[in-house]
Protein backbone atom coordinates (compact mmCIF):
# COMPACT_ATOMS: atom_id res chain seq x y z
CA MET A 1 69.48 124.91 123.60
CA LYS A 2 73.14 123.12 124.48
CA ASP A 3 75.42 124.31 121.91
CA LYS A 4 76.59 121.60 118.88
CA LYS A 5 80.12 120.74 118.07
CA ILE A 6 79.82 121.62 113.62
CA GLU A 7 82.80 120.14 111.76
CA LYS A 8 82.12 122.00 108.68
CA ASN A 9 83.39 119.59 106.03
CA TYR A 10 82.59 121.52 103.14
CA LYS A 11 80.86 119.07 100.04
CA PHE A 12 80.77 122.98 98.10
CA ASN A 13 82.21 126.16 98.63
CA ALA A 14 79.02 127.82 97.38
CA LYS A 15 77.69 131.20 98.72
CA PRO A 16 74.88 133.39 97.70
CA ILE A 17 75.14 134.60 94.17
CA LEU A 18 72.57 137.56 94.77
CA LYS A 19 71.89 140.54 97.20
CA TRP A 20 69.26 140.27 99.29
CA ALA A 21 67.44 142.32 101.47
CA GLY A 22 66.48 140.02 104.38
CA GLY A 23 69.42 137.32 103.66
CA LYS A 24 70.72 135.36 106.41
CA SER A 25 74.18 135.23 105.88
CA GLN A 26 74.51 136.82 109.15
CA LEU A 27 72.88 134.37 110.85
CA LEU A 28 73.84 131.55 109.40
CA PRO A 29 76.60 130.88 112.42
CA THR A 30 73.37 130.71 114.94
CA LEU A 31 71.44 128.87 112.45
CA ASN A 32 73.86 126.28 112.28
CA GLU A 33 73.63 126.16 116.42
CA HIS A 34 69.92 125.64 115.72
CA PHE A 35 69.79 123.07 113.52
CA PRO A 36 68.78 119.64 114.22
CA GLU A 37 70.67 116.32 115.48
CA LYS A 38 69.03 114.39 112.51
CA LEU A 39 70.76 116.80 110.43
CA ILE A 40 74.36 117.30 111.23
CA ARG A 41 74.21 112.94 111.71
CA GLY A 42 73.35 112.58 108.51
CA ASN A 43 70.07 111.34 109.09
CA ILE A 44 67.48 113.91 107.18
CA VAL A 45 66.65 112.50 103.32
CA THR A 46 64.82 115.54 102.27
CA TYR A 47 65.47 118.94 102.98
CA ILE A 48 62.57 121.56 102.19
CA GLU A 49 62.66 125.86 101.46
CA PRO A 50 59.07 127.40 100.77
CA PHE A 51 60.71 130.95 100.65
CA VAL A 52 64.18 130.67 98.80
CA GLY A 53 65.06 133.88 98.59
CA GLY A 54 68.98 134.44 98.24
CA GLY A 55 69.26 131.07 99.17
CA ALA A 56 72.17 131.65 101.97
CA SER A 57 70.68 128.43 103.89
CA PHE A 58 71.00 126.72 100.91
CA PHE A 59 73.44 127.02 100.17
CA GLU A 60 75.44 126.77 103.48
CA ILE A 61 73.16 123.62 104.75
CA SER A 62 74.40 121.76 101.37
CA ASN A 63 78.10 123.01 101.45
CA ILE A 64 78.24 120.89 104.59
CA TYR A 65 75.42 118.48 105.93
CA ASN A 66 74.19 114.97 103.54
CA PHE A 67 70.84 114.78 102.33
CA SER A 68 69.43 112.74 98.97
CA ASP A 69 67.26 115.48 97.63
CA ALA A 70 65.92 119.17 98.23
CA TYR A 71 63.04 121.62 96.81
CA LEU A 72 63.35 124.94 96.94
CA PHE A 73 60.21 127.30 96.45
CA ASP A 74 59.01 130.68 96.21
CA ILE A 75 56.74 132.50 95.11
CA ASN A 76 59.19 135.65 92.85
CA PRO A 77 58.97 133.95 89.60
CA GLU A 78 62.31 136.14 88.70
CA LEU A 79 64.38 133.44 91.36
CA ILE A 80 63.25 129.99 89.66
CA ILE A 81 64.43 131.55 86.24
CA LEU A 82 67.44 132.27 87.96
CA TYR A 83 67.85 129.42 89.91
CA ASN A 84 66.78 126.79 87.67
CA SER A 85 69.33 128.77 84.85
CA VAL A 86 72.73 128.72 87.35
CA LYS A 87 71.75 124.79 87.84
CA ASN A 88 70.95 123.55 84.58
CA ASN A 89 72.99 126.21 82.27
CA VAL A 90 76.00 128.66 84.13
CA GLU A 91 78.24 128.78 81.60
CA SER A 92 75.39 130.19 79.48
CA VAL A 93 74.25 132.84 82.44
CA ILE A 94 78.25 133.51 82.92
CA PHE A 95 78.55 134.15 78.75
CA GLU A 96 75.62 136.64 79.46
CA LEU A 97 76.91 138.39 82.23
CA GLU A 98 79.85 138.61 81.39
CA LYS A 99 78.80 141.20 78.34
CA LEU A 100 76.58 142.88 80.20
CA SER A 101 79.53 143.70 82.57
CA GLU A 102 81.77 144.43 79.97
CA LYS A 103 79.79 146.95 78.34
CA TYR A 104 78.46 148.72 81.76
CA LEU A 105 82.58 148.87 83.31
CA SER A 106 83.54 150.25 79.88
CA LEU A 107 82.11 153.58 80.05
CA GLN A 108 83.63 155.56 82.37
CA ASP A 109 81.13 158.33 82.50
CA GLU A 110 79.15 158.29 85.90
CA LYS A 111 75.69 159.07 83.15
CA GLU A 112 76.54 156.96 80.42
CA ARG A 113 76.35 154.40 83.33
CA LYS A 114 73.42 155.17 84.68
CA GLU A 115 72.17 155.44 81.13
CA GLN A 116 72.54 151.80 80.62
CA PHE A 117 71.38 150.09 83.93
CA TYR A 118 68.10 151.77 82.55
CA THR A 119 68.76 150.14 79.81
CA VAL A 120 68.37 147.14 80.94
CA ARG A 121 66.07 147.40 83.43
CA GLU A 122 63.43 148.41 80.46
CA GLN A 123 64.51 145.51 78.29
CA TYR A 124 64.06 143.57 81.47
CA ASN A 125 60.69 145.06 82.30
CA LEU A 126 59.33 144.99 78.97
CA ASN A 127 59.25 140.95 78.56
CA VAL A 128 57.54 140.80 82.20
CA ILE A 129 54.56 139.25 80.97
CA ASP A 130 56.31 136.27 79.94
CA VAL A 131 58.27 135.44 83.76
CA TYR A 132 55.23 133.25 84.69
CA GLU A 133 54.50 131.03 82.24
CA ILE A 134 58.57 130.03 81.92
CA ALA A 135 59.19 129.71 85.88
CA LYS A 136 55.89 127.20 85.62
CA SER A 137 57.63 125.32 83.66
CA SER A 138 60.57 125.29 85.31
CA SER A 139 61.88 126.22 81.92
CA THR A 140 65.60 128.43 82.25
CA ASN A 141 66.34 131.81 79.93
CA GLU A 142 70.27 132.54 80.26
CA LEU A 143 69.80 136.16 79.65
CA ARG A 144 66.84 137.19 82.19
CA ALA A 145 69.59 135.30 85.01
CA ALA A 146 71.76 137.34 83.36
CA GLN A 147 69.72 140.16 83.87
CA THR A 148 68.65 139.55 87.36
CA LEU A 149 72.18 139.35 87.98
CA PHE A 150 73.42 142.90 86.56
CA LEU A 151 70.87 144.33 87.59
CA ASN A 152 71.48 143.83 91.16
CA ARG A 153 74.21 143.85 91.66
CA VAL A 154 74.58 148.03 90.17
CA CYS A 155 70.81 148.83 91.24
CA PHE A 156 70.92 151.50 94.55
CA ASN A 157 71.79 149.19 97.83
CA GLY A 158 71.82 145.94 95.63
CA LEU A 159 67.68 145.17 96.45
CA PHE A 160 65.36 142.94 94.52
CA ARG A 161 62.40 144.99 94.76
CA VAL A 162 58.92 144.79 91.98
CA ASN A 163 55.92 146.84 91.41
CA ARG A 164 52.41 145.17 91.70
CA LYS A 165 53.02 144.82 87.84
CA GLY A 166 56.03 142.78 88.72
CA GLU A 167 58.62 145.11 87.00
CA PHE A 168 62.12 146.00 88.57
CA ASN A 169 62.14 149.57 90.49
CA VAL A 170 65.31 150.09 91.65
CA PRO A 171 67.08 152.94 90.90
CA HIS A 172 70.63 152.94 89.92
CA GLY A 173 73.35 153.09 92.34
CA ARG A 174 76.55 154.75 92.64
CA TYR A 175 79.16 152.51 93.12
CA LYS A 176 83.06 152.68 91.05
CA ASN A 177 83.98 149.78 90.35
CA PRO A 178 81.55 146.61 90.91
CA ARG A 179 82.17 142.88 90.64
CA ILE A 180 79.06 142.74 88.53
CA LEU A 181 80.26 139.01 87.25
CA ASP A 182 81.99 136.17 89.51
CA LYS A 183 81.69 133.05 87.55
CA ASN A 184 83.88 130.29 90.59
CA LYS A 185 80.77 131.50 92.56
CA LEU A 186 77.64 130.84 89.92
CA ILE A 187 79.84 127.69 89.29
CA TYR A 188 79.56 126.53 93.03
CA ALA A 189 76.50 127.47 93.52
CA SER A 190 75.36 125.48 90.10
CA ASN A 191 77.34 122.86 91.52
CA ALA A 192 75.08 123.13 94.87
CA LEU A 193 71.82 123.03 92.79
CA GLN A 194 72.04 120.11 90.98
CA GLN A 195 70.73 118.15 94.47
CA ALA A 196 67.62 120.68 94.25
CA THR A 197 64.09 120.65 92.46
CA ILE A 198 63.15 124.37 92.21
CA LYS A 199 59.99 125.52 91.68
CA LEU A 200 57.48 128.69 92.05
CA VAL A 201 55.27 127.27 93.75
CA ASP A 202 52.84 128.78 97.39
CA PHE A 203 54.56 127.48 100.50
CA SER A 204 51.51 125.08 101.09
CA SER A 205 53.68 122.53 97.80
CA CYS A 206 55.33 121.50 100.75
CA LEU A 207 53.21 119.16 102.28
CA GLU A 208 52.86 117.65 99.20
CA TYR A 209 57.14 116.50 99.40
CA ALA A 210 57.61 116.30 103.65
CA ASP A 211 57.97 113.45 105.79
CA LYS A 212 59.70 112.47 109.43
CA HIS A 213 62.33 111.99 107.04
CA THR A 214 62.22 115.91 106.48
CA PHE A 215 63.64 119.19 107.02
CA MET A 216 62.12 122.57 106.74
CA TYR A 217 64.02 126.66 107.16
CA TYR A 218 61.19 128.42 106.09
CA ASP A 219 62.46 132.08 105.80
CA PRO A 220 59.13 133.65 104.92
CA PRO A 221 58.68 137.99 104.48
CA TYR A 222 59.20 139.50 107.80
CA ARG A 223 56.21 140.87 109.40
CA PRO A 224 56.95 144.48 109.53
CA LEU A 225 58.24 145.92 113.35
CA ASN A 226 56.62 149.05 112.18
CA LYS A 227 54.83 150.81 109.17
CA THR A 228 57.95 152.14 107.79
CA SER A 229 60.25 149.09 108.28
CA SER A 230 58.19 146.83 105.89
CA PHE A 231 60.13 145.61 103.19
CA ASN A 232 58.78 141.99 102.03
CA SER A 233 57.90 143.76 97.95
CA TYR A 234 60.56 141.44 96.17
CA ALA A 235 57.20 139.85 94.49
CA LYS A 236 53.84 141.65 93.00
CA ASP A 237 52.16 139.82 96.30
CA GLN A 238 51.85 141.26 99.20
CA PHE A 239 52.47 138.69 102.28
CA GLY A 240 50.37 139.80 105.36
CA ASP A 241 49.45 138.65 108.65
CA ASP A 242 46.88 136.49 106.68
CA GLU A 243 49.58 134.55 105.69
CA GLN A 244 51.79 134.37 108.52
CA ILE A 245 49.02 132.23 110.44
CA ARG A 246 48.22 130.68 107.07
CA LEU A 247 51.96 129.81 107.91
CA SER A 248 51.87 128.99 111.34
CA LYS A 249 48.11 126.34 110.34
CA MET A 250 50.83 124.39 107.97
CA TYR A 251 53.84 124.49 110.29
CA ARG A 252 51.68 122.69 113.07
CA GLN A 253 49.77 119.98 110.52
CA LEU A 254 54.02 119.08 109.05
CA ASP A 255 54.16 118.58 112.72
CA LYS A 256 51.80 115.79 113.13
CA LYS A 257 53.69 114.48 109.89
CA GLY A 258 56.95 114.27 112.07
CA VAL A 259 58.66 116.77 109.89
CA LEU A 260 61.64 118.39 111.95
CA GLN A 261 60.68 122.17 110.90
CA LEU A 262 63.19 125.57 111.61
CA LEU A 263 60.99 129.11 110.92
CA SER A 264 62.89 132.61 111.30
CA ASN A 265 60.72 136.31 111.26
CA SER A 266 60.61 139.65 113.10
CA ASP A 267 60.55 139.85 117.22
CA PRO A 268 57.36 142.07 117.79
CA LYS A 269 58.62 142.69 121.22
CA ASN A 270 61.56 144.85 120.16
CA HIS A 271 59.16 147.57 120.02
CA SER A 272 56.49 146.56 122.19
CA ASP A 273 54.49 144.04 124.16
CA ASP A 274 52.37 142.67 120.75
CA SER A 275 52.93 138.90 121.65
CA PHE A 276 51.48 137.87 118.25
CA PHE A 277 54.05 135.07 117.27
CA ASP A 278 54.05 133.82 120.26
CA ASP A 279 50.33 132.95 120.44
CA LEU A 280 50.93 132.07 116.47
CA TYR A 281 53.02 129.21 117.77
CA LYS A 282 52.28 128.64 121.32
CA GLY A 283 53.84 125.30 122.60
CA PHE A 284 56.95 125.30 120.55
CA ASN A 285 60.43 126.21 121.26
CA ILE A 286 60.94 129.36 120.75
CA ASN A 287 64.45 131.43 120.82
CA ARG A 288 64.97 134.75 120.51
CA VAL A 289 68.19 135.93 119.00
CA ALA A 290 70.38 138.69 118.24
CA ALA A 291 70.94 139.28 114.30
CA LYS A 292 71.33 143.06 112.76
CA ARG A 293 69.11 144.48 110.98
CA ALA A 294 70.59 146.20 107.81
CA ILE A 295 67.25 147.76 106.19
CA ASN A 296 65.69 150.82 107.89
CA SER A 297 65.07 154.57 105.89
CA ASN A 298 66.16 155.74 109.15
CA PRO A 299 69.75 154.64 109.98
CA GLU A 300 69.59 155.23 113.59
CA LYS A 301 67.19 152.39 113.76
CA ARG A 302 69.61 150.15 112.13
CA GLY A 303 71.73 147.58 113.92
CA ASN A 304 70.88 145.14 117.06
CA LEU A 305 67.15 143.68 117.33
CA THR A 306 66.46 140.53 118.33
CA GLU A 307 65.14 138.50 115.75
CA LEU A 308 62.61 134.49 116.63
CA LEU A 309 63.55 131.66 115.93
CA ILE A 310 60.69 128.25 116.55
CA ARG A 311 61.68 124.73 116.08
CA ASN A 312 59.61 122.23 116.81
CA TYR A 313 62.02 119.61 117.81
């Protein structure tokens, strides 16, 4: 693809507020090279992400480019509660997180910190039954948002993982002086989120909002390269091949409406001749780009691989 010179005139200084498995921070320079000219020229009206996740792509795009409306969707209710709470009442989120942070960091003994982590995690999981109703109504819960940030910052490897009951099940991490609260980062994120509608919905809801003036970026749960590399349990529902196929059908449907679309996913050809995505998205522009994988039970298998960027422009 022809290189584009992008003038970064930042409106915000927003960055992801979560550590996120599969987050796109490292891939952002490459994504920037593949964004459509219409977005760069300021001619996009609506920006949509069906899988907002850690939000790296949204924050980067909102920092640089102009558009009227953004729609951020996900099936993870904790993300929806977090982003709506940060958007609508960031000062209360900061207040709650400050209390959690000060109590944890005041404990010098590792055993005491561990006990505090599991106390917060237990409280968090006791209320999981109410989470979907809160998220569906786009309501806020500043304490829960603060707990999400706290657990994310002091759990093992900064993962977000839940079991089939929707309970957070990542163990305690071992950090000497974790930065649990970053007030400025939360405020910058809140400013960027003001232009966004944030909803707990299936990705197919995009059909309602997208038209020829829309740019969509998809970052679905990546298809695992092998049986041991899967990490798509950030929500209690799994995202398998049937879902990948359903997503590709929507992609083609939106292409016919003139929606500009960019999708990233794993590249099965890293380890085999698997043409799963090449077949699904035949007829579109498929680029293989270098990307680092940091998540693997075997450290020797972490490192440089290729990922797919699939464009309809």
